[in-house]
Protein backbone atom coordinates (compact mmCIF):
# COMPACT_ATOMS: atom_id res chain seq x y z
CA MET A 1 -19.04 -12.85 -44.60
CA HIS A 2 -15.69 -12.44 -46.29
CA ILE A 3 -13.29 -15.38 -46.03
CA SER A 4 -10.61 -13.45 -44.16
CA HIS A 5 -12.99 -12.20 -41.63
CA LEU A 6 -14.18 -15.77 -41.12
CA LEU A 7 -10.62 -16.88 -40.58
CA ILE A 8 -10.08 -14.32 -38.07
CA VAL A 9 -13.07 -15.33 -36.13
CA GLN A 10 -11.98 -19.01 -36.32
CA TYR A 11 -8.56 -18.08 -35.15
CA CYS A 12 -10.08 -16.40 -32.21
CA ALA A 13 -12.27 -19.38 -31.39
CA ILE A 14 -9.09 -21.58 -31.40
CA LEU A 15 -7.45 -19.33 -28.95
CA VAL A 16 -10.39 -19.03 -26.58
CA PHE A 17 -10.48 -22.83 -26.16
CA SER A 18 -6.69 -23.09 -26.09
CA SER A 19 -6.66 -20.71 -23.14
CA LEU A 20 -9.43 -22.59 -21.41
CA TYR A 21 -7.58 -25.90 -21.39
CA ALA A 22 -3.88 -25.14 -21.74
CA PRO A 23 -3.08 -25.77 -18.09
CA GLN A 24 -4.63 -29.33 -18.13
CA PRO A 25 -1.60 -31.43 -19.23
CA LEU A 26 0.56 -29.10 -16.86
CA LEU A 27 -1.46 -29.80 -13.71
CA PRO A 28 1.12 -32.22 -12.18
CA VAL A 29 3.82 -29.71 -12.86
CA LEU A 30 1.86 -26.81 -11.50
CA ALA A 31 1.07 -28.82 -8.30
CA GLU A 32 4.70 -29.49 -7.74
CA ALA A 33 5.71 -25.82 -8.64
CA PHE A 34 3.30 -24.40 -6.07
CA ALA A 35 3.52 -27.29 -3.67
CA VAL A 36 -0.21 -27.90 -3.53
CA SER A 37 -2.25 -31.10 -3.59
CA GLU A 38 -3.54 -32.62 -6.87
CA ALA A 39 -7.08 -31.73 -5.92
CA ARG A 40 -6.25 -28.12 -5.40
CA ALA A 41 -4.30 -27.98 -8.64
CA SER A 42 -7.32 -29.35 -10.59
CA LEU A 43 -9.20 -26.18 -9.38
CA LEU A 44 -7.31 -24.27 -12.10
CA ILE A 45 -9.69 -25.93 -14.59
CA THR A 46 -12.75 -25.88 -12.31
CA VAL A 47 -12.80 -22.20 -11.57
CA ALA A 48 -12.49 -21.27 -15.33
CA LEU A 49 -15.41 -23.65 -16.20
CA LEU A 50 -17.60 -22.56 -13.51
CA PRO A 51 -18.58 -19.03 -14.99
CA LEU A 52 -19.40 -20.69 -18.34
CA ALA A 53 -22.48 -22.00 -16.69
CA ILE A 54 -24.05 -18.58 -15.97
CA ALA A 55 -22.05 -15.82 -17.64
CA PRO A 56 -23.29 -16.23 -21.14
CA VAL A 57 -26.79 -15.04 -20.19
CA ALA A 58 -25.36 -11.89 -18.53
CA TYR A 59 -23.23 -11.17 -21.50
CA GLY A 60 -26.36 -11.84 -23.82
CA PHE A 61 -28.04 -8.93 -22.11
CA LEU A 62 -25.01 -6.76 -22.34
CA LEU A 63 -24.87 -7.46 -26.09
CA GLN A 64 -28.28 -5.62 -26.33
CA ARG A 65 -26.34 -2.35 -25.59
CA LEU A 66 -22.90 -3.25 -27.14
CA SER A 67 -21.79 -4.53 -30.49
CA ALA A 68 -20.45 -7.99 -30.46
CA ARG A 69 -17.38 -6.75 -32.19
CA ARG A 70 -16.62 -4.26 -29.59
CA LEU A 71 -17.24 -6.68 -26.64
CA LEU A 72 -15.15 -9.18 -28.45
CA ILE A 73 -12.13 -6.87 -28.90
CA GLY A 74 -12.17 -5.58 -25.34
CA ALA A 75 -12.48 -9.23 -23.90
CA THR A 76 -9.61 -10.46 -26.14
CA TRP A 77 -7.16 -7.70 -24.84
CA LEU A 78 -8.24 -8.53 -21.26
CA LEU A 79 -7.59 -12.28 -21.86
CA ALA A 80 -4.06 -11.36 -23.23
CA VAL A 81 -3.34 -9.39 -20.13
CA THR A 82 -4.34 -12.11 -17.71
CA GLN A 83 -1.99 -14.53 -19.71
CA VAL A 84 0.92 -12.19 -19.19
CA ALA A 85 -0.10 -12.00 -15.46
CA VAL A 86 -0.07 -15.85 -15.23
CA TYR A 87 3.56 -15.84 -16.65
CA LEU A 88 4.55 -13.58 -13.71
CA VAL A 89 2.46 -15.16 -10.87
CA THR A 90 4.23 -16.26 -7.78
CA SER A 91 1.51 -17.69 -5.64
CA PHE A 92 -1.04 -20.28 -6.29
CA GLU A 93 -3.91 -18.33 -4.80
CA LEU A 94 -3.21 -15.48 -7.30
CA LEU A 95 -2.95 -18.10 -10.16
CA LEU A 96 -6.32 -19.37 -9.12
CA ALA A 97 -7.79 -15.90 -9.12
CA LEU A 98 -6.33 -15.23 -12.53
CA ARG A 99 -7.92 -18.41 -13.98
CA LEU A 100 -11.28 -17.20 -12.34
CA ALA A 101 -10.87 -13.86 -14.25
CA GLN A 102 -10.22 -15.76 -17.47
CA GLY A 103 -13.30 -17.91 -16.77
CA LEU A 104 -15.35 -14.64 -16.61
CA ILE A 105 -13.70 -13.32 -19.76
CA ILE A 106 -14.00 -16.38 -21.95
CA PRO A 107 -17.81 -16.47 -21.92
CA ALA A 108 -17.89 -12.79 -23.27
CA MET A 109 -15.69 -13.84 -26.09
CA LEU A 110 -17.76 -17.04 -26.86
CA THR A 111 -21.12 -15.10 -26.68
CA SER A 112 -19.77 -12.35 -28.84
CA LEU A 113 -18.26 -14.83 -31.41
CA MET A 114 -21.53 -16.70 -31.95
CA THR A 115 -23.48 -13.42 -31.98
CA TYR A 116 -21.27 -11.86 -34.71
CA LEU A 117 -21.29 -15.05 -36.76
CA ALA A 118 -24.97 -15.50 -36.57
CA ALA A 119 -25.59 -11.79 -37.49
CA SER A 120 -22.95 -11.56 -40.28
CA ALA A 121 -23.42 -14.82 -41.95
CA PRO A 122 -25.23 -14.73 -45.31
CA PRO A 123 -28.70 -16.11 -45.51
CA GLY A 124 -28.79 -19.89 -45.58
CA GLN A 125 -25.03 -20.08 -44.41
CA ILE A 126 -25.51 -19.98 -40.74
CA ALA A 127 -25.44 -23.66 -40.21
CA ARG A 128 -22.37 -24.03 -42.34
CA VAL A 129 -20.63 -21.15 -40.57
CA MET A 130 -21.51 -22.54 -37.15
CA ALA A 131 -20.20 -25.95 -37.98
CA ILE A 132 -16.78 -24.46 -38.92
CA TYR A 133 -16.99 -22.70 -35.61
CA ILE A 134 -17.58 -25.82 -33.58
CA ALA A 135 -14.75 -27.56 -35.53
CA ALA A 136 -12.46 -24.70 -34.52
CA SER A 137 -13.49 -24.92 -30.99
CA VAL A 138 -12.55 -28.61 -30.85
CA LEU A 139 -9.24 -28.07 -32.61
CA GLY A 140 -8.53 -25.28 -30.00
CA GLY A 141 -9.15 -27.67 -27.21
CA PHE A 142 -6.59 -29.98 -28.59
CA LEU A 143 -3.87 -27.30 -29.62
CA GLY A 144 -4.11 -25.61 -26.33
CA ARG A 145 -3.27 -28.85 -24.56
CA MET A 146 -0.63 -29.92 -27.16
CA ILE A 147 1.24 -26.57 -27.57
CA SER A 148 1.33 -26.02 -23.77
CA GLY A 149 2.82 -29.29 -23.17
CA LEU A 150 5.49 -28.82 -25.92
CA ILE A 151 6.40 -25.39 -24.72
CA SER A 152 6.51 -26.27 -21.01
CA THR A 153 8.82 -29.29 -21.68
CA GLN A 154 11.35 -27.28 -23.67
CA PHE A 155 11.22 -23.90 -21.80
CA GLY A 156 9.21 -24.29 -18.58
CA TRP A 157 5.45 -23.95 -17.92
CA ARG A 158 5.55 -20.10 -17.75
CA TRP A 159 6.49 -19.83 -21.24
CA SER A 160 3.24 -21.66 -22.30
CA PHE A 161 1.16 -18.82 -20.97
CA LEU A 162 3.32 -16.06 -22.51
CA PHE A 163 3.06 -17.65 -25.90
CA LEU A 164 -0.60 -17.67 -25.41
CA ALA A 165 -0.59 -14.01 -24.55
CA VAL A 166 1.21 -13.01 -27.72
CA ALA A 167 -1.03 -15.03 -29.83
CA ILE A 168 -4.09 -13.58 -28.12
CA ALA A 169 -2.63 -9.91 -28.58
CA LEU A 170 -2.21 -10.63 -32.17
CA CYS A 171 -5.80 -11.84 -32.31
CA ALA A 172 -6.87 -8.55 -30.78
CA LEU A 173 -5.23 -6.64 -33.52
CA LEU A 174 -6.59 -8.83 -36.21
CA LEU A 175 -10.22 -8.43 -34.81
CA GLN A 176 -9.89 -4.67 -35.62
CA ARG A 177 -10.35 -5.56 -39.28
CA LEU A 178 -13.84 -6.96 -38.80
CA LYS A 179 -16.73 -5.04 -40.00
CA ALA A 180 -19.36 -3.71 -37.54
CA ASP A 181 -21.84 -6.44 -36.87
CA PRO A 182 -25.42 -5.87 -37.77
CA PRO A 183 -27.81 -5.16 -34.89
CA VAL A 184 -29.21 -8.24 -33.43
CA SER A 185 -32.48 -8.57 -31.29
CA PHE A 186 -32.33 -10.65 -28.07
CA GLN A 187 -35.25 -12.39 -26.16
CA ARG A 188 -35.31 -11.05 -22.65
CA LEU A 189 -34.79 -13.76 -19.99
CA ASP A 190 -37.94 -14.67 -18.27
CA PRO A 191 -37.79 -17.07 -15.16
CA ARG A 192 -41.23 -18.39 -16.12
CA THR A 193 -39.89 -19.37 -19.56
CA ILE A 194 -36.94 -21.30 -17.82
CA LEU A 195 -39.46 -23.13 -15.69
CA GLN A 196 -41.65 -23.85 -18.70
CA VAL A 197 -38.74 -25.45 -20.47
CA LEU A 198 -37.60 -27.41 -17.44
CA ARG A 199 -41.09 -28.83 -16.83
CA GLN A 200 -40.91 -30.50 -20.20
CA PRO A 201 -39.56 -34.04 -19.15
CA SER A 202 -37.75 -34.66 -22.59
CA PHE A 203 -35.90 -31.40 -22.17
CA LEU A 204 -34.80 -31.99 -18.57
CA ARG A 205 -33.76 -35.47 -19.34
CA LEU A 206 -31.43 -34.27 -22.29
CA TYR A 207 -30.03 -31.53 -19.93
CA LEU A 208 -29.12 -34.15 -17.38
CA VAL A 209 -27.72 -36.40 -20.07
CA VAL A 210 -25.32 -33.75 -21.16
CA PHE A 211 -24.63 -32.84 -17.46
CA CYS A 212 -23.50 -36.59 -16.78
CA ALA A 213 -21.78 -36.94 -20.15
CA PHE A 214 -19.66 -33.88 -19.97
CA GLY A 215 -19.11 -34.28 -16.13
CA ALA A 216 -17.52 -37.66 -16.90
CA PHE A 217 -15.61 -36.51 -19.84
CA ALA A 218 -14.01 -33.38 -18.11
CA SER A 219 -13.29 -35.40 -14.96
CA LEU A 220 -11.38 -38.07 -16.91
CA LEU A 221 -9.53 -35.51 -19.05
CA ASN A 222 -8.52 -33.59 -15.83
CA PHE A 223 -7.36 -36.55 -13.67
CA LEU A 224 -5.54 -38.59 -16.36
CA PRO A 225 -2.26 -36.47 -16.08
CA PHE A 226 -2.03 -37.43 -12.34
CA ARG A 227 -2.86 -41.15 -13.20
CA LEU A 228 -0.10 -41.07 -15.63
CA VAL A 229 2.48 -39.66 -13.03
CA GLU A 230 1.11 -42.20 -10.49
CA LEU A 231 1.80 -45.10 -12.79
CA GLY A 232 5.44 -43.96 -13.06
CA THR A 233 5.18 -43.65 -16.92
CA GLY A 234 7.99 -41.10 -17.18
CA LEU A 235 5.99 -38.94 -19.56
CA SER A 236 6.95 -35.35 -19.75
CA GLU A 237 4.48 -32.56 -20.23
CA THR A 238 4.79 -33.19 -24.14
CA GLY A 239 3.92 -36.77 -23.69
CA ILE A 240 0.93 -36.13 -21.45
CA ALA A 241 -0.32 -33.58 -24.05
CA PHE A 242 0.07 -36.11 -26.89
CA MET A 243 -2.55 -38.36 -24.78
CA TYR A 244 -5.22 -35.70 -25.73
CA ALA A 245 -4.71 -36.36 -29.53
CA GLY A 246 -8.01 -38.39 -29.34
CA TYR A 247 -9.69 -35.01 -28.98
CA LEU A 248 -9.55 -34.57 -32.65
CA MET A 249 -11.93 -37.37 -33.04
CA GLY A 250 -14.49 -34.80 -32.02
CA VAL A 251 -14.17 -33.17 -35.44
CA VAL A 252 -14.76 -36.30 -37.27
CA THR A 253 -17.60 -37.43 -35.08
CA SER A 254 -19.32 -34.09 -35.27
CA LEU A 255 -19.27 -34.23 -39.02
CA LEU A 256 -20.51 -37.78 -39.25
CA SER A 257 -23.12 -37.67 -36.47
CA LEU A 258 -26.08 -36.84 -38.70
CA ARG A 259 -25.31 -39.68 -40.97
CA ILE A 260 -24.82 -42.06 -38.05
CA ALA A 261 -28.21 -40.99 -36.72
CA ALA A 262 -29.91 -41.55 -40.09
CA HIS A 263 -28.72 -45.06 -40.27
CA ILE A 264 -29.69 -46.22 -36.71
CA GLY A 265 -33.03 -44.57 -36.40
CA GLY A 266 -32.60 -41.13 -35.20
CA ALA A 267 -30.60 -38.88 -32.99
CA VAL A 268 -31.62 -40.45 -29.57
CA ASN A 269 -30.55 -43.86 -30.85
CA ALA A 270 -27.22 -42.24 -31.90
CA MET A 271 -26.80 -40.56 -28.58
CA LEU A 272 -27.50 -44.00 -26.89
CA LEU A 273 -24.77 -45.48 -28.95
CA GLY A 274 -22.46 -42.54 -27.96
CA SER A 275 -23.21 -43.44 -24.34
CA ALA A 276 -22.41 -47.14 -24.84
CA VAL A 277 -19.12 -46.23 -26.69
CA PHE A 278 -18.07 -43.78 -23.88
CA LEU A 279 -18.80 -46.41 -21.23
CA ALA A 280 -16.86 -49.05 -23.06
CA ALA A 281 -14.06 -46.51 -23.42
CA LEU A 282 -13.46 -46.50 -19.62
CA LEU A 283 -12.13 -50.07 -19.88
CA PHE A 284 -8.95 -48.75 -21.79
CA PHE A 285 -8.17 -46.71 -18.57
CA THR A 286 -8.14 -49.72 -16.16
CA GLY A 287 -4.70 -50.89 -17.14
CA ALA A 288 -1.18 -49.28 -16.92
CA GLN A 289 -0.11 -49.32 -20.60
CA VAL A 290 0.15 -45.88 -22.11
CA TRP A 291 -0.64 -46.90 -25.62
CA VAL A 292 -3.83 -48.52 -24.66
CA MET A 293 -5.10 -45.33 -22.84
CA PHE A 294 -3.98 -43.40 -26.00
CA VAL A 295 -6.23 -45.44 -28.01
CA GLY A 296 -8.93 -45.22 -25.49
CA MET A 297 -8.99 -41.52 -25.72
CA PHE A 298 -10.18 -41.71 -29.35
CA VAL A 299 -12.93 -44.01 -28.41
CA LEU A 300 -13.87 -41.71 -25.44
CA CYS A 301 -13.95 -38.75 -27.61
CA ALA A 302 -16.01 -40.48 -30.37
CA GLY A 303 -18.65 -41.29 -27.74
CA MET A 304 -18.64 -38.01 -26.07
CA PHE A 305 -18.92 -35.77 -29.21
CA LEU A 306 -21.56 -38.15 -30.60
CA ILE A 307 -23.77 -36.93 -27.75
CA HIS A 308 -22.65 -33.43 -27.72
CA SER A 309 -23.23 -32.99 -31.47
CA LEU A 310 -26.71 -34.33 -31.62
CA ALA A 311 -28.32 -33.07 -28.29
CA PRO A 312 -28.59 -29.37 -29.36
CA GLY A 313 -30.34 -30.36 -32.55
CA VAL A 314 -32.85 -32.35 -30.80
CA LEU A 315 -33.39 -29.54 -28.11
CA ASN A 316 -33.88 -26.93 -31.08
CA GLN A 317 -36.97 -28.70 -32.20
CA ALA A 318 -38.74 -26.54 -29.59
CA ASN A 319 -40.81 -23.37 -30.30
CA GLY A 320 -38.57 -21.01 -32.00
CA GLU A 321 -39.48 -18.16 -29.38
CA GLN A 322 -37.94 -20.38 -26.67
CA ARG A 323 -34.68 -21.43 -28.47
CA GLY A 324 -32.66 -18.61 -26.69
CA VAL A 325 -33.62 -20.11 -23.33
CA VAL A 326 -33.31 -23.70 -24.60
CA ASN A 327 -29.80 -23.07 -25.84
CA GLY A 328 -28.79 -21.16 -22.73
CA LEU A 329 -30.00 -23.94 -20.52
CA TYR A 330 -28.07 -26.43 -22.52
CA LEU A 331 -24.75 -24.47 -21.94
CA ALA A 332 -25.54 -24.05 -18.25
CA PHE A 333 -26.04 -27.83 -17.64
CA TYR A 334 -23.19 -28.66 -19.94
CA TYR A 335 -20.63 -26.64 -18.11
CA ALA A 336 -21.99 -27.14 -14.77
CA GLY A 337 -21.45 -30.85 -15.51
CA GLY A 338 -17.89 -30.06 -16.48
CA THR A 339 -17.32 -27.89 -13.47
CA THR A 340 -18.54 -30.63 -11.04
CA GLY A 341 -16.69 -33.40 -12.82
CA SER A 342 -13.33 -31.49 -12.94
CA PHE A 343 -13.23 -31.30 -9.11
CA LEU A 344 -15.53 -33.42 -6.98
CA PRO A 345 -14.57 -36.98 -8.32
CA GLY A 346 -10.88 -36.10 -7.48
CA PHE A 347 -11.79 -36.68 -3.77
CA LEU A 348 -12.95 -40.16 -4.63
CA TYR A 349 -9.89 -40.87 -6.75
CA HIS A 350 -7.32 -39.74 -4.03
CA GLY A 351 -9.48 -41.39 -1.10
CA LEU A 352 -10.51 -44.76 -2.64
CA GLY A 353 -8.20 -45.07 -5.60
CA TRP A 354 -8.49 -45.05 -9.41
CA TYR A 355 -10.68 -47.99 -10.02
CA ALA A 356 -13.32 -46.62 -7.53
CA TYR A 357 -13.12 -43.31 -9.56
CA LEU A 358 -13.64 -45.01 -12.72
CA GLY A 359 -16.60 -46.99 -11.25
CA ALA A 360 -18.16 -43.74 -10.26
CA LEU A 361 -17.79 -42.36 -13.85
CA ALA A 362 -19.35 -45.53 -15.14
CA VAL A 363 -22.32 -45.18 -12.79
CA THR A 364 -22.75 -41.50 -13.87
CA LEU A 365 -22.78 -42.56 -17.66
CA SER A 366 -25.11 -45.40 -16.90
CA PHE A 367 -27.65 -42.90 -15.56
CA GLY A 368 -27.22 -40.75 -18.49
CA GLY A 369 -27.82 -43.89 -20.73
CA TRP A 370 -30.88 -44.78 -18.81
CA LEU A 371 -32.40 -41.34 -19.16
CA LEU A 372 -31.70 -41.57 -22.98
CA TRP A 373 -33.44 -45.02 -22.98
CA THR A 374 -36.50 -43.68 -21.29
CA LEU A 375 -36.47 -40.75 -23.67
CA ARG A 376 -36.46 -43.26 -26.64
CA ARG A 377 -39.24 -45.37 -25.27
CA THR A 378 -41.53 -42.29 -24.77
CA GLY A 379 -40.72 -40.95 -28.23
């Protein structure tokens, strides 16, 4: 793959994840602007994550008939249009509908991006290309939050989405330069294969581990802005966005995860370490000092991405014919956890308070750690 084409694809990956998470630091501002509760405002993340648990399978079938390049370009233009609509929106219900539409478009882009990369990468370079893609996705998650916070502070929240619309439209134009992707064969989804995978105890345990881990992770990142407002920190949208700087730790952790696993006896041991680090990170959020929580975000992301970067490798030791289903189920459990965590724990937070909320996250993570411990003991 030519370097310019690889850069275009990575630019697109950054924008996809930027679009997904851009509203997160703005949730308190959006709740005030549309006069809705914090729990309702958090739905802006939930409804965008929800389709990610099921839509990639549908788009995988669609890619049997369409080229990845064509689907990617069309979906990118649609995403740009929805961002312009968000800039113009006047009701929360319409904003929620637009976020749901984006949640349906984003999986089309993600599936197309990964398919195009896998089909176009030179032999022996797929792992390297995918590693660059994962780094770009992590970077996009941070930049989406950071830039939306900066623009919102200076010009108002609507301009954050207009900026994204322009950047995405530019991306759609650049994607026209990509060469046609080679044809790719897809394994047809068979419910019996899904059941066969889920009946393997080690697979189901790992799926539940990522469900718990990403559920707790997405939850804390979603409700942290409300906690900062509750504490009276006086942070602007930019200040709240800076709290997500620890997200960049995901790039470092992902690159070092295999070395860590090699030093402590394997991937499962390393994921156990990640769970322990994640659990310890919750202590940083029990106080009221902003700088402590800022440091805690780096610890939190180190633990989360140590789990996330290793779990797919363990799962892909399965039979090659099942890898499509194995990876599809991984994404389904991962984003189902994120969808659940970004919304349901909010009722506990607003009903019983912050410490009960953190306690529930700790219990969730402990359950995931216990599953890893049983997996380690059974080999």
